[in-house]
Amino acid sequence: MSIIINIDVVMAQRKMRSKDLAEKIGITTANLSILKTGKAKAIRFSTLEKICKALDCQPGDILVFEKD
């Protein structure tokens, strides 16, 4: 089971830099990088909500499930 994180894809579509997104949602660029690379073990719903608001997207645009 794999959860694919597409934050960087949505960011590119919106022409938003990591630094700008991190500032908008109130996390460090290092923590955003961990999310973007899929190394995070979890994400808070409140953080996911902030990301979706900042990028004007749905959670399904960012998180994708793929079977192994």
PDB file of N, CA and C in Angstrom:
ATOM      1  N   MET A   1       0.851  -1.178   0.000  1.00  0.00           N
ATOM      2  CA  MET A   1       0.000   0.000   0.000  1.00  0.00           C
ATOM      3  C   MET A   1       0.891   1.234   0.000  1.00  0.00           C
ATOM      4  N   SER A   2       0.608   2.156  -0.889  1.00  0.00           N
ATOM      5  CA  SER A   2       1.414   3.365  -0.995  1.00  0.00           C
ATOM      6  C   SER A   2       0.515   4.595  -1.117  1.00  0.00           C
ATOM      7  N   ILE A   3       0.857   5.580  -0.355  1.00  0.00           N
ATOM      8  CA  ILE A   3       0.207   6.876  -0.474  1.00  0.00           C
ATOM      9  C   ILE A   3       1.202   7.791  -1.187  1.00  0.00           C
ATOM     10  N   ILE A   4       0.798   8.340  -2.309  1.00  0.00           N
ATOM     11  CA  ILE A   4       1.645   9.219  -3.090  1.00  0.00           C
ATOM     12  C   ILE A   4       1.275  10.663  -2.763  1.00  0.00           C
ATOM     13  N   ILE A   5       2.286  11.472  -2.489  1.00  0.00           N
ATOM     14  CA  ILE A   5       2.083  12.876  -2.152  1.00  0.00           C
ATOM     15  C   ILE A   5       2.395  13.721  -3.384  1.00  0.00           C
ATOM     16  N   ASN A   6       1.426  14.492  -3.839  1.00  0.00           N
ATOM     17  CA  ASN A   6       1.583  15.308  -5.039  1.00  0.00           C
ATOM     18  C   ASN A   6       1.588  16.805  -4.743  1.00  0.00           C
ATOM     19  N   ILE A   7       2.090  17.183  -3.585  1.00  0.00           N
ATOM     20  CA  ILE A   7       2.110  18.607  -3.243  1.00  0.00           C
ATOM     21  C   ILE A   7       2.936  19.389  -4.258  1.00  0.00           C
ATOM     22  N   ASP A   8       4.083  18.841  -4.643  1.00  0.00           N
ATOM     23  CA  ASP A   8       4.947  19.570  -5.568  1.00  0.00           C
ATOM     24  C   ASP A   8       4.297  19.761  -6.939  1.00  0.00           C
ATOM     25  N   VAL A   9       3.485  18.799  -7.366  1.00  0.00           N
ATOM     26  CA  VAL A   9       2.786  18.916  -8.651  1.00  0.00           C
ATOM     27  C   VAL A   9       1.770  20.057  -8.594  1.00  0.00           C
ATOM     28  N   VAL A  10       0.993  20.083  -7.521  1.00  0.00           N
ATOM     29  CA  VAL A  10      -0.021  21.129  -7.364  1.00  0.00           C
ATOM     30  C   VAL A  10       0.653  22.493  -7.184  1.00  0.00           C
ATOM     31  N   MET A  11       1.766  22.518  -6.457  1.00  0.00           N
ATOM     32  CA  MET A  11       2.504  23.769  -6.288  1.00  0.00           C
ATOM     33  C   MET A  11       2.993  24.297  -7.636  1.00  0.00           C
ATOM     34  N   ALA A  12       3.490  23.418  -8.476  1.00  0.00           N
ATOM     35  CA  ALA A  12       3.974  23.830  -9.801  1.00  0.00           C
ATOM     36  C   ALA A  12       2.832  24.375 -10.645  1.00  0.00           C
ATOM     37  N   GLN A  13       1.662  23.736 -10.566  1.00  0.00           N
ATOM     38  CA  GLN A  13       0.506  24.214 -11.311  1.00  0.00           C
ATOM     39  C   GLN A  13       0.093  25.607 -10.853  1.00  0.00           C
ATOM     40  N   ARG A  14       0.276  25.879  -9.560  1.00  0.00           N
ATOM     41  CA  ARG A  14      -0.112  27.180  -8.993  1.00  0.00           C
ATOM     42  C   ARG A  14       1.040  28.179  -9.026  1.00  0.00           C
ATOM     43  N   LYS A  15       2.205  27.728  -9.509  1.00  0.00           N
ATOM     44  CA  LYS A  15       3.416  28.561  -9.558  1.00  0.00           C
ATOM     45  C   LYS A  15       3.760  29.117  -8.176  1.00  0.00           C
ATOM     46  N   MET A  16       3.761  28.210  -7.168  1.00  0.00           N
ATOM     47  CA  MET A  16       4.067  28.602  -5.801  1.00  0.00           C
ATOM     48  C   MET A  16       5.351  27.914  -5.352  1.00  0.00           C
ATOM     49  N   ARG A  17       6.199  28.676  -4.696  1.00  0.00           N
ATOM     50  CA  ARG A  17       7.458  28.133  -4.182  1.00  0.00           C
ATOM     51  C   ARG A  17       7.243  27.524  -2.802  1.00  0.00           C
ATOM     52  N   SER A  18       8.131  26.608  -2.436  1.00  0.00           N
ATOM     53  CA  SER A  18       8.048  25.943  -1.128  1.00  0.00           C
ATOM     54  C   SER A  18       8.087  26.946   0.011  1.00  0.00           C
ATOM     55  N   LYS A  19       8.973  27.914  -0.105  1.00  0.00           N
ATOM     56  CA  LYS A  19       9.092  28.927   0.947  1.00  0.00           C
ATOM     57  C   LYS A  19       7.774  29.663   1.153  1.00  0.00           C
ATOM     58  N   ASP A  20       7.124  30.031   0.054  1.00  0.00           N
ATOM     59  CA  ASP A  20       5.861  30.764   0.146  1.00  0.00           C
ATOM     60  C   ASP A  20       4.757  29.912   0.763  1.00  0.00           C
ATOM     61  N   LEU A  21       4.665  28.655   0.341  1.00  0.00           N
ATOM     62  CA  LEU A  21       3.644  27.768   0.895  1.00  0.00           C
ATOM     63  C   LEU A  21       3.894  27.528   2.378  1.00  0.00           C
ATOM     64  N   ALA A  22       5.136  27.278   2.747  1.00  0.00           N
ATOM     65  CA  ALA A  22       5.468  27.038   4.157  1.00  0.00           C
ATOM     66  C   ALA A  22       5.058  28.227   5.016  1.00  0.00           C
ATOM     67  N   GLU A  23       5.319  29.436   4.539  1.00  0.00           N
ATOM     68  CA  GLU A  23       4.931  30.634   5.287  1.00  0.00           C
ATOM     69  C   GLU A  23       3.416  30.749   5.415  1.00  0.00           C
ATOM     70  N   LYS A  24       2.696  30.457   4.323  1.00  0.00           N
ATOM     71  CA  LYS A  24       1.228  30.570   4.343  1.00  0.00           C
ATOM     72  C   LYS A  24       0.581  29.592   5.316  1.00  0.00           C
ATOM     73  N   ILE A  25       1.152  28.373   5.421  1.00  0.00           N
ATOM     74  CA  ILE A  25       0.510  27.362   6.271  1.00  0.00           C
ATOM     75  C   ILE A  25       1.139  27.266   7.657  1.00  0.00           C
ATOM     76  N   GLY A  26       2.222  27.995   7.881  1.00  0.00           N
ATOM     77  CA  GLY A  26       2.802  28.068   9.223  1.00  0.00           C
ATOM     78  C   GLY A  26       3.663  26.885   9.614  1.00  0.00           C
ATOM     79  N   ILE A  27       4.397  26.300   8.662  1.00  0.00           N
ATOM     80  CA  ILE A  27       5.352  25.247   8.999  1.00  0.00           C
ATOM     81  C   ILE A  27       6.706  25.617   8.391  1.00  0.00           C
ATOM     82  N   THR A  28       7.742  24.932   8.825  1.00  0.00           N
ATOM     83  CA  THR A  28       9.068  25.214   8.290  1.00  0.00           C
ATOM     84  C   THR A  28       9.210  24.612   6.897  1.00  0.00           C
ATOM     85  N   THR A  29      10.139  25.145   6.138  1.00  0.00           N
ATOM     86  CA  THR A  29      10.394  24.585   4.805  1.00  0.00           C
ATOM     87  C   THR A  29      10.933  23.158   4.926  1.00  0.00           C
ATOM     88  N   ALA A  30      11.646  22.879   6.014  1.00  0.00           N
ATOM     89  CA  ALA A  30      12.153  21.519   6.234  1.00  0.00           C
ATOM     90  C   ALA A  30      10.997  20.537   6.421  1.00  0.00           C
ATOM     91  N   ASN A  31       9.995  20.919   7.211  1.00  0.00           N
ATOM     92  CA  ASN A  31       8.836  20.040   7.411  1.00  0.00           C
ATOM     93  C   ASN A  31       8.017  19.896   6.135  1.00  0.00           C
ATOM     94  N   LEU A  32       7.912  20.958   5.363  1.00  0.00           N
ATOM     95  CA  LEU A  32       7.215  20.873   4.080  1.00  0.00           C
ATOM     96  C   LEU A  32       7.960  19.925   3.145  1.00  0.00           C
ATOM     97  N   SER A  33       9.269  19.983   3.164  1.00  0.00           N
ATOM     98  CA  SER A  33      10.077  19.089   2.340  1.00  0.00           C
ATOM     99  C   SER A  33       9.846  17.631   2.716  1.00  0.00           C
ATOM    100  N   ILE A  34       9.741  17.357   4.005  1.00  0.00           N
ATOM    101  CA  ILE A  34       9.465  15.995   4.477  1.00  0.00           C
ATOM    102  C   ILE A  34       8.115  15.520   3.956  1.00  0.00           C
ATOM    103  N   LEU A  35       7.123  16.406   3.957  1.00  0.00           N
ATOM    104  CA  LEU A  35       5.805  16.060   3.411  1.00  0.00           C
ATOM    105  C   LEU A  35       5.888  15.801   1.909  1.00  0.00           C
ATOM    106  N   LYS A  36       6.572  16.694   1.194  1.00  0.00           N
ATOM    107  CA  LYS A  36       6.652  16.593  -0.260  1.00  0.00           C
ATOM    108  C   LYS A  36       7.349  15.316  -0.727  1.00  0.00           C
ATOM    109  N   THR A  37       8.349  14.875   0.016  1.00  0.00           N
ATOM    110  CA  THR A  37       9.100  13.682  -0.382  1.00  0.00           C
ATOM    111  C   THR A  37       8.436  12.389   0.048  1.00  0.00           C
ATOM    112  N   GLY A  38       7.360  12.489   0.820  1.00  0.00           N
ATOM    113  CA  GLY A  38       6.659  11.292   1.266  1.00  0.00           C
ATOM    114  C   GLY A  38       7.309  10.614   2.458  1.00  0.00           C
ATOM    115  N   LYS A  39       8.237  11.287   3.117  1.00  0.00           N
ATOM    116  CA  LYS A  39       8.924  10.703   4.271  1.00  0.00           C
ATOM    117  C   LYS A  39       8.146  10.881   5.577  1.00  0.00           C
ATOM    118  N   ALA A  40       7.110  11.692   5.546  1.00  0.00           N
ATOM    119  CA  ALA A  40       6.298  11.913   6.747  1.00  0.00           C
ATOM    120  C   ALA A  40       5.473  10.668   7.047  1.00  0.00           C
ATOM    121  N   LYS A  41       5.348  10.346   8.314  1.00  0.00           N
ATOM    122  CA  LYS A  41       4.559   9.198   8.733  1.00  0.00           C
ATOM    123  C   LYS A  41       3.087   9.559   8.889  1.00  0.00           C
ATOM    124  N   ALA A  42       2.814  10.854   9.049  1.00  0.00           N
ATOM    125  CA  ALA A  42       1.434  11.308   9.265  1.00  0.00           C
ATOM    126  C   ALA A  42       1.331  12.783   8.893  1.00  0.00           C
ATOM    127  N   ILE A  43       0.098  13.230   8.713  1.00  0.00           N
ATOM    128  CA  ILE A  43      -0.165  14.651   8.497  1.00  0.00           C
ATOM    129  C   ILE A  43      -1.435  14.996   9.266  1.00  0.00           C
ATOM    130  N   ARG A  44      -1.398  16.096   9.958  1.00  0.00           N
ATOM    131  CA  ARG A  44      -2.572  16.536  10.707  1.00  0.00           C
ATOM    132  C   ARG A  44      -3.619  17.056   9.729  1.00  0.00           C
ATOM    133  N   PHE A  45      -4.869  16.812  10.054  1.00  0.00           N
ATOM    134  CA  PHE A  45      -5.945  17.323   9.217  1.00  0.00           C
ATOM    135  C   PHE A  45      -5.898  18.846   9.143  1.00  0.00           C
ATOM    136  N   SER A  46      -5.505  19.492  10.228  1.00  0.00           N
ATOM    137  CA  SER A  46      -5.439  20.954  10.218  1.00  0.00           C
ATOM    138  C   SER A  46      -4.364  21.438   9.235  1.00  0.00           C
ATOM    139  N   THR A  47      -3.252  20.720   9.145  1.00  0.00           N
ATOM    140  CA  THR A  47      -2.202  21.077   8.183  1.00  0.00           C
ATOM    141  C   THR A  47      -2.674  20.805   6.763  1.00  0.00           C
ATOM    142  N   LEU A  48      -3.329  19.676   6.557  1.00  0.00           N
ATOM    143  CA  LEU A  48      -3.861  19.348   5.244  1.00  0.00           C
ATOM    144  C   LEU A  48      -4.877  20.399   4.803  1.00  0.00           C
ATOM    145  N   GLU A  49      -5.706  20.836   5.722  1.00  0.00           N
ATOM    146  CA  GLU A  49      -6.693  21.875   5.414  1.00  0.00           C
ATOM    147  C   GLU A  49      -6.011  23.172   5.002  1.00  0.00           C
ATOM    148  N   LYS A  50      -4.959  23.560   5.718  1.00  0.00           N
ATOM    149  CA  LYS A  50      -4.234  24.787   5.381  1.00  0.00           C
ATOM    150  C   LYS A  50      -3.577  24.678   4.003  1.00  0.00           C
ATOM    151  N   ILE A  51      -3.012  23.513   3.701  1.00  0.00           N
ATOM    152  CA  ILE A  51      -2.390  23.289   2.388  1.00  0.00           C
ATOM    153  C   ILE A  51      -3.444  23.420   1.297  1.00  0.00           C
ATOM    154  N   CYS A  52      -4.589  22.798   1.503  1.00  0.00           N
ATOM    155  CA  CYS A  52      -5.663  22.850   0.501  1.00  0.00           C
ATOM    156  C   CYS A  52      -6.174  24.279   0.299  1.00  0.00           C
ATOM    157  N   LYS A  53      -6.296  25.035   1.383  1.00  0.00           N
ATOM    158  CA  LYS A  53      -6.725  26.434   1.255  1.00  0.00           C
ATOM    159  C   LYS A  53      -5.694  27.256   0.509  1.00  0.00           C
ATOM    160  N   ALA A  54      -4.414  27.067   0.851  1.00  0.00           N
ATOM    161  CA  ALA A  54      -3.347  27.849   0.225  1.00  0.00           C
ATOM    162  C   ALA A  54      -3.196  27.522  -1.255  1.00  0.00           C
ATOM    163  N   LEU A  55      -3.406  26.254  -1.618  1.00  0.00           N
ATOM    164  CA  LEU A  55      -3.239  25.830  -3.007  1.00  0.00           C
ATOM    165  C   LEU A  55      -4.554  25.785  -3.772  1.00  0.00           C
ATOM    166  N   ASP A  56      -5.659  26.096  -3.092  1.00  0.00           N
ATOM    167  CA  ASP A  56      -6.991  26.068  -3.699  1.00  0.00           C
ATOM    168  C   ASP A  56      -7.227  24.724  -4.391  1.00  0.00           C
ATOM    169  N   CYS A  57      -7.134  23.647  -3.590  1.00  0.00           N
ATOM    170  CA  CYS A  57      -7.298  22.302  -4.137  1.00  0.00           C
ATOM    171  C   CYS A  57      -8.041  21.423  -3.134  1.00  0.00           C
ATOM    172  N   GLN A  58      -8.278  20.191  -3.520  1.00  0.00           N
ATOM    173  CA  GLN A  58      -8.926  19.195  -2.669  1.00  0.00           C
ATOM    174  C   GLN A  58      -7.858  18.229  -2.137  1.00  0.00           C
ATOM    175  N   PRO A  59      -8.113  17.573  -0.993  1.00  0.00           N
ATOM    176  CA  PRO A  59      -7.139  16.609  -0.481  1.00  0.00           C
ATOM    177  C   PRO A  59      -6.785  15.521  -1.500  1.00  0.00           C
ATOM    178  N   GLY A  60      -7.733  15.131  -2.328  1.00  0.00           N
ATOM    179  CA  GLY A  60      -7.480  14.118  -3.351  1.00  0.00           C
ATOM    180  C   GLY A  60      -6.541  14.582  -4.454  1.00  0.00           C
ATOM    181  N   ASP A  61      -6.353  15.904  -4.570  1.00  0.00           N
ATOM    182  CA  ASP A  61      -5.384  16.420  -5.525  1.00  0.00           C
ATOM    183  C   ASP A  61      -3.962  16.222  -5.004  1.00  0.00           C
ATOM    184  N   ILE A  62      -3.824  16.138  -3.690  1.00  0.00           N
ATOM    185  CA  ILE A  62      -2.515  16.044  -3.048  1.00  0.00           C
ATOM    186  C   ILE A  62      -2.165  14.603  -2.677  1.00  0.00           C
ATOM    187  N   LEU A  63      -3.147  13.863  -2.171  1.00  0.00           N
ATOM    188  CA  LEU A  63      -2.916  12.499  -1.703  1.00  0.00           C
ATOM    189  C   LEU A  63      -3.555  11.490  -2.648  1.00  0.00           C
ATOM    190  N   VAL A  64      -2.761  10.521  -3.098  1.00  0.00           N
ATOM    191  CA  VAL A  64      -3.253   9.492  -4.017  1.00  0.00           C
ATOM    192  C   VAL A  64      -2.842   8.135  -3.460  1.00  0.00           C
ATOM    193  N   PHE A  65      -3.777   7.186  -3.468  1.00  0.00           N
ATOM    194  CA  PHE A  65      -3.493   5.825  -3.025  1.00  0.00           C
ATOM    195  C   PHE A  65      -3.202   4.939  -4.235  1.00  0.00           C
ATOM    196  N   GLU A  66      -2.099   4.195  -4.155  1.00  0.00           N
ATOM    197  CA  GLU A  66      -1.756   3.239  -5.204  1.00  0.00           C
ATOM    198  C   GLU A  66      -1.502   1.876  -4.574  1.00  0.00           C
ATOM    199  N   LYS A  67      -2.095   0.856  -5.141  1.00  0.00           N
ATOM    200  CA  LYS A  67      -1.845  -0.504  -4.674  1.00  0.00           C
ATOM    201  C   LYS A  67      -0.453  -0.934  -5.102  1.00  0.00           C
ATOM    202  N   ASP A  68       0.177  -1.746  -4.275  1.00  0.00           N
ATOM    203  CA  ASP A  68       1.502  -2.273  -4.615  1.00  0.00           C
ATOM    204  C   ASP A  68       1.447  -3.286  -5.718  1.00  0.00           C
TER     205      ASP A  68
END
